[in-house]
Amino acid sequence: MPLLETKGLTKNFGGLCVMNDLNFSIEEGEIKGLLGPNGAGKSTFFNLITGVYMPTSGTITYNGKNITRAKPHQVANMGIGRTFQLNPLFGEFTVFENVTAAFHMHPHSTVPQVFFNTKTYRENEKYIAGAADEILEFLGLSHVRNELAKNLPHGYQKILGVARALATQPKLIMLDEPLGGMNPEEIAFSIDAISKMRDRGITVLVVEHNMQILDILDSVTVISFGEKIFEGTPEGMRQDPTVIETYFGGTV
């Protein structure tokens, strides 16, 4: 059984169809790419999966459960995390504080517990701090732990967005253009961080325009105008005539 599967997924905005009868699946433990030109429907797909948009028709199944009508907070609680093209970071917070702030779905304390500095509150804070430092170490951000997020290079800000998503302890993480706007050094750093997530037991779905991402993908789905035009391996995608014409604007 796939970890995530859609059947007949369709989304209309008025008379405009932006997602048309899309069948998609990702297996547990995969790093999979969802690729396509601008306007293909990739961000719409992410928003449908995470409950930001409701489908016009079709179904979404995650971990054996129908989540077609689930709200965003319900989807997150089920173990689906995501990043965004524009990183919603707290610029005046440190890297560490940005990650701890993302632990809102994990052990939390009541107002009285915080006010009276109870043992439960102290234990919760200790757990969150330790888990945040573990994520920073895992992603190679420990050396900038105390830097303000706004002062980080662009690539590090992108990975900090990933760190915040990991703080929700997802089973599936959806990365929206994680390499966008990076220089070669930042790209190498980010690709390494993404590839290590599978070792942590996390399934990864990536939307990306930078074709260097193909080096770490197990499989690829390519869409155009909300319809699937290719499904297979990165090697097969590179040689597919329809992909070359539609995505790269060339011919075989």
C-alpha atoms as a PDB file:
ATOM      1  CA  MET A   1       0.000   0.000   0.000  1.00  0.00           C
ATOM      2  CA  PRO A   2       1.435   3.429  -0.949  1.00  0.00           C
ATOM      3  CA  LEU A   3       2.031   5.861   1.888  1.00  0.00           C
ATOM      4  CA  LEU A   4       0.200   8.576  -0.076  1.00  0.00           C
ATOM      5  CA  GLU A   5      -2.149   8.001  -2.990  1.00  0.00           C
ATOM      6  CA  THR A   6      -4.554  10.125  -4.998  1.00  0.00           C
ATOM      7  CA  LYS A   7      -7.207   8.814  -7.370  1.00  0.00           C
ATOM      8  CA  GLY A   8      -8.981  11.007  -9.881  1.00  0.00           C
ATOM      9  CA  LEU A   9      -7.801  14.144  -8.060  1.00  0.00           C
ATOM     10  CA  THR A  10      -9.412  17.157  -9.699  1.00  0.00           C
ATOM     11  CA  LYS A  11      -9.511  20.839  -8.760  1.00  0.00           C
ATOM     12  CA  ASN A  12     -11.477  23.528 -10.571  1.00  0.00           C
ATOM     13  CA  PHE A  13     -11.390  27.230  -9.848  1.00  0.00           C
ATOM     14  CA  GLY A  14     -14.579  28.442 -11.492  1.00  0.00           C
ATOM     15  CA  GLY A  15     -14.310  27.332 -15.102  1.00  0.00           C
ATOM     16  CA  LEU A  16     -10.553  26.728 -14.903  1.00  0.00           C
ATOM     17  CA  CYS A  17      -9.357  23.154 -14.310  1.00  0.00           C
ATOM     18  CA  VAL A  18      -5.924  23.225 -12.656  1.00  0.00           C
ATOM     19  CA  MET A  19      -5.785  19.563 -11.598  1.00  0.00           C
ATOM     20  CA  ASN A  20      -7.420  16.987 -13.850  1.00  0.00           C
ATOM     21  CA  ASP A  21      -8.059  13.395 -12.778  1.00  0.00           C
ATOM     22  CA  LEU A  22      -4.585  12.897 -11.302  1.00  0.00           C
ATOM     23  CA  ASN A  23      -3.603   9.454 -10.061  1.00  0.00           C
ATOM     24  CA  PHE A  24      -0.447   9.672  -7.962  1.00  0.00           C
ATOM     25  CA  SER A  25       1.311   7.572  -5.360  1.00  0.00           C
ATOM     26  CA  ILE A  26       4.482   7.563  -3.290  1.00  0.00           C
ATOM     27  CA  GLU A  27       5.847   4.534  -1.464  1.00  0.00           C
ATOM     28  CA  GLU A  28       7.097   4.669   2.093  1.00  0.00           C
ATOM     29  CA  GLY A  29      10.844   5.339   2.166  1.00  0.00           C
ATOM     30  CA  GLU A  30      10.970   6.955  -1.286  1.00  0.00           C
ATOM     31  CA  ILE A  31      12.423  10.262  -2.342  1.00  0.00           C
ATOM     32  CA  LYS A  32      10.085  11.178  -5.179  1.00  0.00           C
ATOM     33  CA  GLY A  33       9.957  14.182  -7.467  1.00  0.00           C
ATOM     34  CA  LEU A  34       6.822  15.971  -8.662  1.00  0.00           C
ATOM     35  CA  LEU A  35       8.073  17.966 -11.620  1.00  0.00           C
ATOM     36  CA  GLY A  36       6.626  20.138 -14.342  1.00  0.00           C
ATOM     37  CA  PRO A  37       6.844  23.604 -15.897  1.00  0.00           C
ATOM     38  CA  ASN A  38       5.495  26.722 -14.232  1.00  0.00           C
ATOM     39  CA  GLY A  39       1.720  26.574 -14.015  1.00  0.00           C
ATOM     40  CA  ALA A  40       1.659  22.774 -14.173  1.00  0.00           C
ATOM     41  CA  GLY A  41      -0.304  22.477 -10.916  1.00  0.00           C
ATOM     42  CA  LYS A  42       2.449  21.422  -8.510  1.00  0.00           C
ATOM     43  CA  SER A  43       1.657  23.948  -5.788  1.00  0.00           C
ATOM     44  CA  THR A  44      -2.051  23.214  -6.202  1.00  0.00           C
ATOM     45  CA  PHE A  45      -1.271  19.535  -5.609  1.00  0.00           C
ATOM     46  CA  PHE A  46       0.604  20.366  -2.390  1.00  0.00           C
ATOM     47  CA  ASN A  47      -2.285  22.542  -1.227  1.00  0.00           C
ATOM     48  CA  LEU A  48      -4.801  19.791  -1.948  1.00  0.00           C
ATOM     49  CA  ILE A  49      -2.790  17.206  -0.011  1.00  0.00           C
ATOM     50  CA  THR A  50      -2.330  19.489   3.000  1.00  0.00           C
ATOM     51  CA  GLY A  51      -5.954  20.600   3.210  1.00  0.00           C
ATOM     52  CA  VAL A  52      -5.460  24.184   2.081  1.00  0.00           C
ATOM     53  CA  TYR A  53      -7.735  23.473  -0.897  1.00  0.00           C
ATOM     54  CA  MET A  54     -10.607  21.007  -1.053  1.00  0.00           C
ATOM     55  CA  PRO A  55     -10.711  18.836  -4.213  1.00  0.00           C
ATOM     56  CA  THR A  56     -13.534  19.268  -6.679  1.00  0.00           C
ATOM     57  CA  SER A  57     -13.521  15.480  -7.018  1.00  0.00           C
ATOM     58  CA  GLY A  58     -11.297  12.496  -6.359  1.00  0.00           C
ATOM     59  CA  THR A  59      -9.778  11.023  -3.211  1.00  0.00           C
ATOM     60  CA  ILE A  60      -6.598  11.395  -1.164  1.00  0.00           C
ATOM     61  CA  THR A  61      -5.444   8.474   0.975  1.00  0.00           C
ATOM     62  CA  TYR A  62      -2.593   8.715   3.449  1.00  0.00           C
ATOM     63  CA  ASN A  63      -1.270   5.807   5.492  1.00  0.00           C
ATOM     64  CA  GLY A  64      -4.466   3.884   4.718  1.00  0.00           C
ATOM     65  CA  LYS A  65      -6.808   6.712   5.775  1.00  0.00           C
ATOM     66  CA  ASN A  66      -9.022   8.890   3.596  1.00  0.00           C
ATOM     67  CA  ILE A  67      -7.878  12.496   4.195  1.00  0.00           C
ATOM     68  CA  THR A  68      -9.694  14.086   1.244  1.00  0.00           C
ATOM     69  CA  ARG A  69     -11.624  16.517   3.451  1.00  0.00           C
ATOM     70  CA  ALA A  70      -9.104  16.885   6.283  1.00  0.00           C
ATOM     71  CA  LYS A  71      -8.171  20.350   7.557  1.00  0.00           C
ATOM     72  CA  PRO A  72      -4.529  21.548   7.493  1.00  0.00           C
ATOM     73  CA  HIS A  73      -3.984  21.025  11.237  1.00  0.00           C
ATOM     74  CA  GLN A  74      -5.463  17.527  10.984  1.00  0.00           C
ATOM     75  CA  VAL A  75      -3.162  16.665   8.087  1.00  0.00           C
ATOM     76  CA  ALA A  76      -0.146  17.913  10.051  1.00  0.00           C
ATOM     77  CA  ASN A  77      -1.173  15.880  13.088  1.00  0.00           C
ATOM     78  CA  MET A  78      -1.353  12.771  10.891  1.00  0.00           C
ATOM     79  CA  GLY A  79       2.325  13.131  10.003  1.00  0.00           C
ATOM     80  CA  ILE A  80       2.529  15.221   6.826  1.00  0.00           C
ATOM     81  CA  GLY A  81       4.919  18.174   6.975  1.00  0.00           C
ATOM     82  CA  ARG A  82       5.714  20.698   4.264  1.00  0.00           C
ATOM     83  CA  THR A  83       7.890  23.630   3.356  1.00  0.00           C
ATOM     84  CA  PHE A  84       7.050  26.620   1.158  1.00  0.00           C
ATOM     85  CA  GLN A  85       8.721  28.461  -1.718  1.00  0.00           C
ATOM     86  CA  LEU A  86       8.717  31.574   0.475  1.00  0.00           C
ATOM     87  CA  ASN A  87      10.036  30.551   3.875  1.00  0.00           C
ATOM     88  CA  PRO A  88       7.767  31.624   6.780  1.00  0.00           C
ATOM     89  CA  LEU A  89      10.645  32.124   9.241  1.00  0.00           C
ATOM     90  CA  PHE A  90      10.791  34.341  12.318  1.00  0.00           C
ATOM     91  CA  GLY A  91      13.564  36.676  11.228  1.00  0.00           C
ATOM     92  CA  GLU A  92      14.248  38.091  14.675  1.00  0.00           C
ATOM     93  CA  PHE A  93      14.399  34.622  16.264  1.00  0.00           C
ATOM     94  CA  THR A  94      17.566  32.563  16.361  1.00  0.00           C
ATOM     95  CA  VAL A  95      17.848  29.366  14.352  1.00  0.00           C
ATOM     96  CA  PHE A  96      17.273  27.373  17.548  1.00  0.00           C
ATOM     97  CA  GLU A  97      14.234  29.448  18.517  1.00  0.00           C
ATOM     98  CA  ASN A  98      12.713  29.010  15.049  1.00  0.00           C
ATOM     99  CA  VAL A  99      12.861  25.242  15.431  1.00  0.00           C
ATOM    100  CA  THR A 100      11.569  25.136  19.013  1.00  0.00           C
ATOM    101  CA  ALA A 101       8.648  27.352  17.973  1.00  0.00           C
ATOM    102  CA  ALA A 102       7.629  24.681  15.458  1.00  0.00           C
ATOM    103  CA  PHE A 103       7.045  22.063  18.159  1.00  0.00           C
ATOM    104  CA  HIS A 104       3.471  23.252  18.693  1.00  0.00           C
ATOM    105  CA  MET A 105       1.991  19.762  18.154  1.00  0.00           C
ATOM    106  CA  HIS A 106       4.197  18.033  20.706  1.00  0.00           C
ATOM    107  CA  PRO A 107       4.329  18.040  24.512  1.00  0.00           C
ATOM    108  CA  HIS A 108       2.984  21.408  25.567  1.00  0.00           C
ATOM    109  CA  SER A 109       2.213  23.023  28.844  1.00  0.00           C
ATOM    110  CA  THR A 110      -0.877  24.720  30.179  1.00  0.00           C
ATOM    111  CA  VAL A 111      -0.833  28.352  31.246  1.00  0.00           C
ATOM    112  CA  PRO A 112      -0.811  27.435  34.972  1.00  0.00           C
ATOM    113  CA  GLN A 113       2.079  25.024  34.393  1.00  0.00           C
ATOM    114  CA  VAL A 114       4.068  27.761  32.683  1.00  0.00           C
ATOM    115  CA  PHE A 115       3.153  30.376  35.299  1.00  0.00           C
ATOM    116  CA  PHE A 116       4.124  28.171  38.229  1.00  0.00           C
ATOM    117  CA  ASN A 117       7.152  26.677  36.454  1.00  0.00           C
ATOM    118  CA  THR A 118       5.976  23.143  37.233  1.00  0.00           C
ATOM    119  CA  LYS A 119       7.964  19.954  36.735  1.00  0.00           C
ATOM    120  CA  THR A 120       5.821  19.066  33.697  1.00  0.00           C
ATOM    121  CA  TYR A 121       6.596  22.410  32.105  1.00  0.00           C
ATOM    122  CA  ARG A 122      10.341  22.019  32.721  1.00  0.00           C
ATOM    123  CA  GLU A 123      10.335  18.487  31.307  1.00  0.00           C
ATOM    124  CA  ASN A 124       8.461  19.617  28.210  1.00  0.00           C
ATOM    125  CA  GLU A 125      10.917  22.450  27.621  1.00  0.00           C
ATOM    126  CA  LYS A 126      13.849  20.081  28.076  1.00  0.00           C
ATOM    127  CA  TYR A 127      12.347  17.642  25.561  1.00  0.00           C
ATOM    128  CA  ILE A 128      11.760  20.375  22.968  1.00  0.00           C
ATOM    129  CA  ALA A 129      15.255  21.838  23.374  1.00  0.00           C
ATOM    130  CA  GLY A 130      16.886  18.439  22.997  1.00  0.00           C
ATOM    131  CA  ALA A 131      14.792  17.504  19.967  1.00  0.00           C
ATOM    132  CA  ALA A 132      15.511  20.871  18.321  1.00  0.00           C
ATOM    133  CA  ASP A 133      19.258  20.459  18.788  1.00  0.00           C
ATOM    134  CA  GLU A 134      19.051  16.943  17.356  1.00  0.00           C
ATOM    135  CA  ILE A 135      17.351  18.288  14.207  1.00  0.00           C
ATOM    136  CA  LEU A 136      19.946  21.054  13.843  1.00  0.00           C
ATOM    137  CA  GLU A 137      22.755  18.526  14.173  1.00  0.00           C
ATOM    138  CA  PHE A 138      21.105  16.199  11.660  1.00  0.00           C
ATOM    139  CA  LEU A 139      20.748  18.964   9.053  1.00  0.00           C
ATOM    140  CA  GLY A 140      24.161  20.492   9.660  1.00  0.00           C
ATOM    141  CA  LEU A 141      22.864  23.709  11.206  1.00  0.00           C
ATOM    142  CA  SER A 142      24.362  23.381  14.683  1.00  0.00           C
ATOM    143  CA  HIS A 143      27.130  25.871  13.922  1.00  0.00           C
ATOM    144  CA  VAL A 144      24.539  28.608  13.228  1.00  0.00           C
ATOM    145  CA  ARG A 145      22.299  27.653  16.170  1.00  0.00           C
ATOM    146  CA  ASN A 146      22.421  31.102  17.767  1.00  0.00           C
ATOM    147  CA  GLU A 147      22.363  33.193  14.583  1.00  0.00           C
ATOM    148  CA  LEU A 148      19.280  35.260  13.778  1.00  0.00           C
ATOM    149  CA  ALA A 149      17.330  33.658  10.970  1.00  0.00           C
ATOM    150  CA  LYS A 150      17.307  36.892   8.955  1.00  0.00           C
ATOM    151  CA  ASN A 151      21.122  36.911   8.884  1.00  0.00           C
ATOM    152  CA  LEU A 152      21.493  33.435   7.381  1.00  0.00           C
ATOM    153  CA  PRO A 153      22.507  32.886   3.751  1.00  0.00           C
ATOM    154  CA  HIS A 154      19.588  31.991   1.502  1.00  0.00           C
ATOM    155  CA  GLY A 155      20.441  28.289   1.381  1.00  0.00           C
ATOM    156  CA  TYR A 156      20.611  28.014   5.145  1.00  0.00           C
ATOM    157  CA  GLN A 157      17.255  29.752   5.448  1.00  0.00           C
ATOM    158  CA  LYS A 158      15.778  27.115   3.115  1.00  0.00           C
ATOM    159  CA  ILE A 159      17.200  24.294   5.232  1.00  0.00           C
ATOM    160  CA  LEU A 160      15.952  26.013   8.373  1.00  0.00           C
ATOM    161  CA  GLY A 161      12.489  25.780   6.817  1.00  0.00           C
ATOM    162  CA  VAL A 162      13.087  22.043   6.473  1.00  0.00           C
ATOM    163  CA  ALA A 163      14.194  21.895  10.109  1.00  0.00           C
ATOM    164  CA  ARG A 164      10.951  23.556  11.172  1.00  0.00           C
ATOM    165  CA  ALA A 165       8.980  21.020   9.136  1.00  0.00           C
ATOM    166  CA  LEU A 166      10.922  18.169  10.766  1.00  0.00           C
ATOM    167  CA  ALA A 167       9.951  19.553  14.180  1.00  0.00           C
ATOM    168  CA  THR A 168       6.405  18.389  13.458  1.00  0.00           C
ATOM    169  CA  GLN A 169       7.858  14.843  13.335  1.00  0.00           C
ATOM    170  CA  PRO A 170       6.420  13.975   9.904  1.00  0.00           C
ATOM    171  CA  LYS A 171       6.282  10.565   8.298  1.00  0.00           C
ATOM    172  CA  LEU A 172       6.035  12.313   4.931  1.00  0.00           C
ATOM    173  CA  ILE A 173       7.691  15.650   4.209  1.00  0.00           C
ATOM    174  CA  MET A 174       6.775  17.703   1.148  1.00  0.00           C
ATOM    175  CA  LEU A 175       9.472  20.119  -0.018  1.00  0.00           C
ATOM    176  CA  ASP A 176       8.445  22.992  -2.291  1.00  0.00           C
ATOM    177  CA  GLU A 177      11.446  24.082  -4.410  1.00  0.00           C
ATOM    178  CA  PRO A 178      14.065  23.470  -1.687  1.00  0.00           C
ATOM    179  CA  LEU A 179      16.936  24.402  -4.053  1.00  0.00           C
ATOM    180  CA  GLY A 180      15.384  27.586  -5.439  1.00  0.00           C
ATOM    181  CA  GLY A 181      17.788  30.528  -5.649  1.00  0.00           C
ATOM    182  CA  MET A 182      20.768  28.686  -4.176  1.00  0.00           C
ATOM    183  CA  ASN A 183      24.400  28.873  -5.222  1.00  0.00           C
ATOM    184  CA  PRO A 184      26.324  25.638  -6.042  1.00  0.00           C
ATOM    185  CA  GLU A 185      27.694  25.250  -2.504  1.00  0.00           C
ATOM    186  CA  GLU A 186      24.247  25.692  -0.964  1.00  0.00           C
ATOM    187  CA  ILE A 187      22.730  23.238  -3.458  1.00  0.00           C
ATOM    188  CA  ALA A 188      25.265  20.556  -2.521  1.00  0.00           C
ATOM    189  CA  PHE A 189      24.622  21.166   1.181  1.00  0.00           C
ATOM    190  CA  SER A 190      20.844  20.986   0.700  1.00  0.00           C
ATOM    191  CA  ILE A 191      20.863  17.875  -1.501  1.00  0.00           C
ATOM    192  CA  ASP A 192      22.951  16.087   1.128  1.00  0.00           C
ATOM    193  CA  ALA A 193      20.492  17.108   3.863  1.00  0.00           C
ATOM    194  CA  ILE A 194      17.496  15.910   1.831  1.00  0.00           C
ATOM    195  CA  SER A 195      19.110  12.583   0.975  1.00  0.00           C
ATOM    196  CA  LYS A 196      19.789  11.900   4.669  1.00  0.00           C
ATOM    197  CA  MET A 197      16.112  12.195   5.584  1.00  0.00           C
ATOM    198  CA  ARG A 198      15.388   8.727   4.252  1.00  0.00           C
ATOM    199  CA  ASP A 199      17.941   7.354   6.743  1.00  0.00           C
ATOM    200  CA  ARG A 200      15.758   8.927   9.412  1.00  0.00           C
ATOM    201  CA  GLY A 201      12.715   6.988   8.165  1.00  0.00           C
ATOM    202  CA  ILE A 202      11.090   9.946   6.419  1.00  0.00           C
ATOM    203  CA  THR A 203       9.458   9.727   3.001  1.00  0.00           C
ATOM    204  CA  VAL A 204      10.226  12.786   0.855  1.00  0.00           C
ATOM    205  CA  LEU A 205       8.177  14.371  -1.937  1.00  0.00           C
ATOM    206  CA  VAL A 206       9.999  17.162  -3.774  1.00  0.00           C
ATOM    207  CA  VAL A 207       8.789  19.854  -6.150  1.00  0.00           C
ATOM    208  CA  GLU A 208      11.822  21.357  -7.861  1.00  0.00           C
ATOM    209  CA  HIS A 209      12.925  23.031 -11.101  1.00  0.00           C
ATOM    210  CA  ASN A 210      16.647  22.487 -10.567  1.00  0.00           C
ATOM    211  CA  MET A 211      17.417  19.215 -12.352  1.00  0.00           C
ATOM    212  CA  GLN A 212      20.300  18.433  -9.984  1.00  0.00           C
ATOM    213  CA  ILE A 213      17.599  17.031  -7.702  1.00  0.00           C
ATOM    214  CA  LEU A 214      17.289  14.072 -10.102  1.00  0.00           C
ATOM    215  CA  ASP A 215      20.505  12.636  -8.661  1.00  0.00           C
ATOM    216  CA  ILE A 216      18.767  11.646  -5.409  1.00  0.00           C
ATOM    217  CA  LEU A 217      15.263  10.791  -6.654  1.00  0.00           C
ATOM    218  CA  ASP A 218      13.986   7.206  -6.728  1.00  0.00           C
ATOM    219  CA  SER A 219      11.080   8.017  -9.026  1.00  0.00           C
ATOM    220  CA  VAL A 220       9.460  10.947 -10.810  1.00  0.00           C
ATOM    221  CA  THR A 221       5.974  12.092 -11.753  1.00  0.00           C
ATOM    222  CA  VAL A 222       5.794  14.872 -14.325  1.00  0.00           C
ATOM    223  CA  ILE A 223       2.628  16.915 -14.772  1.00  0.00           C
ATOM    224  CA  SER A 224       1.607  19.584 -17.244  1.00  0.00           C
ATOM    225  CA  PHE A 225      -1.577  21.667 -16.990  1.00  0.00           C
ATOM    226  CA  GLY A 226      -2.696  19.461 -14.107  1.00  0.00           C
ATOM    227  CA  GLU A 227      -2.365  16.179 -15.998  1.00  0.00           C
ATOM    228  CA  LYS A 228       0.253  13.458 -15.630  1.00  0.00           C
ATOM    229  CA  ILE A 229       2.491  13.110 -18.681  1.00  0.00           C
ATOM    230  CA  PHE A 230       5.180  10.827 -17.249  1.00  0.00           C
ATOM    231  CA  GLU A 231       5.731   8.381 -14.413  1.00  0.00           C
ATOM    232  CA  GLY A 232       8.960   6.461 -13.903  1.00  0.00           C
ATOM    233  CA  THR A 233      12.658   6.777 -13.146  1.00  0.00           C
ATOM    234  CA  PRO A 234      14.781   9.926 -13.461  1.00  0.00           C
ATOM    235  CA  GLU A 235      16.686   8.204 -16.284  1.00  0.00           C
ATOM    236  CA  GLY A 236      13.453   7.470 -18.127  1.00  0.00           C
ATOM    237  CA  MET A 237      12.302  11.051 -17.680  1.00  0.00           C
ATOM    238  CA  ARG A 238      15.480  12.401 -19.289  1.00  0.00           C
ATOM    239  CA  GLN A 239      14.765  10.369 -22.427  1.00  0.00           C
ATOM    240  CA  ASP A 240      10.984  10.695 -22.650  1.00  0.00           C
ATOM    241  CA  PRO A 241       9.932  12.611 -25.819  1.00  0.00           C
ATOM    242  CA  THR A 242       6.807  14.115 -24.234  1.00  0.00           C
ATOM    243  CA  VAL A 243       8.746  15.404 -21.230  1.00  0.00           C
ATOM    244  CA  ILE A 244      11.501  16.844 -23.411  1.00  0.00           C
ATOM    245  CA  GLU A 245       8.981  18.687 -25.563  1.00  0.00           C
ATOM    246  CA  THR A 246       6.686  19.841 -22.772  1.00  0.00           C
ATOM    247  CA  TYR A 247       9.133  20.528 -19.966  1.00  0.00           C
ATOM    248  CA  PHE A 248      12.366  21.426 -21.710  1.00  0.00           C
ATOM    249  CA  GLY A 249      10.889  22.904 -24.877  1.00  0.00           C
ATOM    250  CA  GLY A 250      12.941  20.739 -27.220  1.00  0.00           C
ATOM    251  CA  THR A 251      12.758  17.596 -29.308  1.00  0.00           C
ATOM    252  CA  VAL A 252      14.476  14.218 -29.125  1.00  0.00           C
END
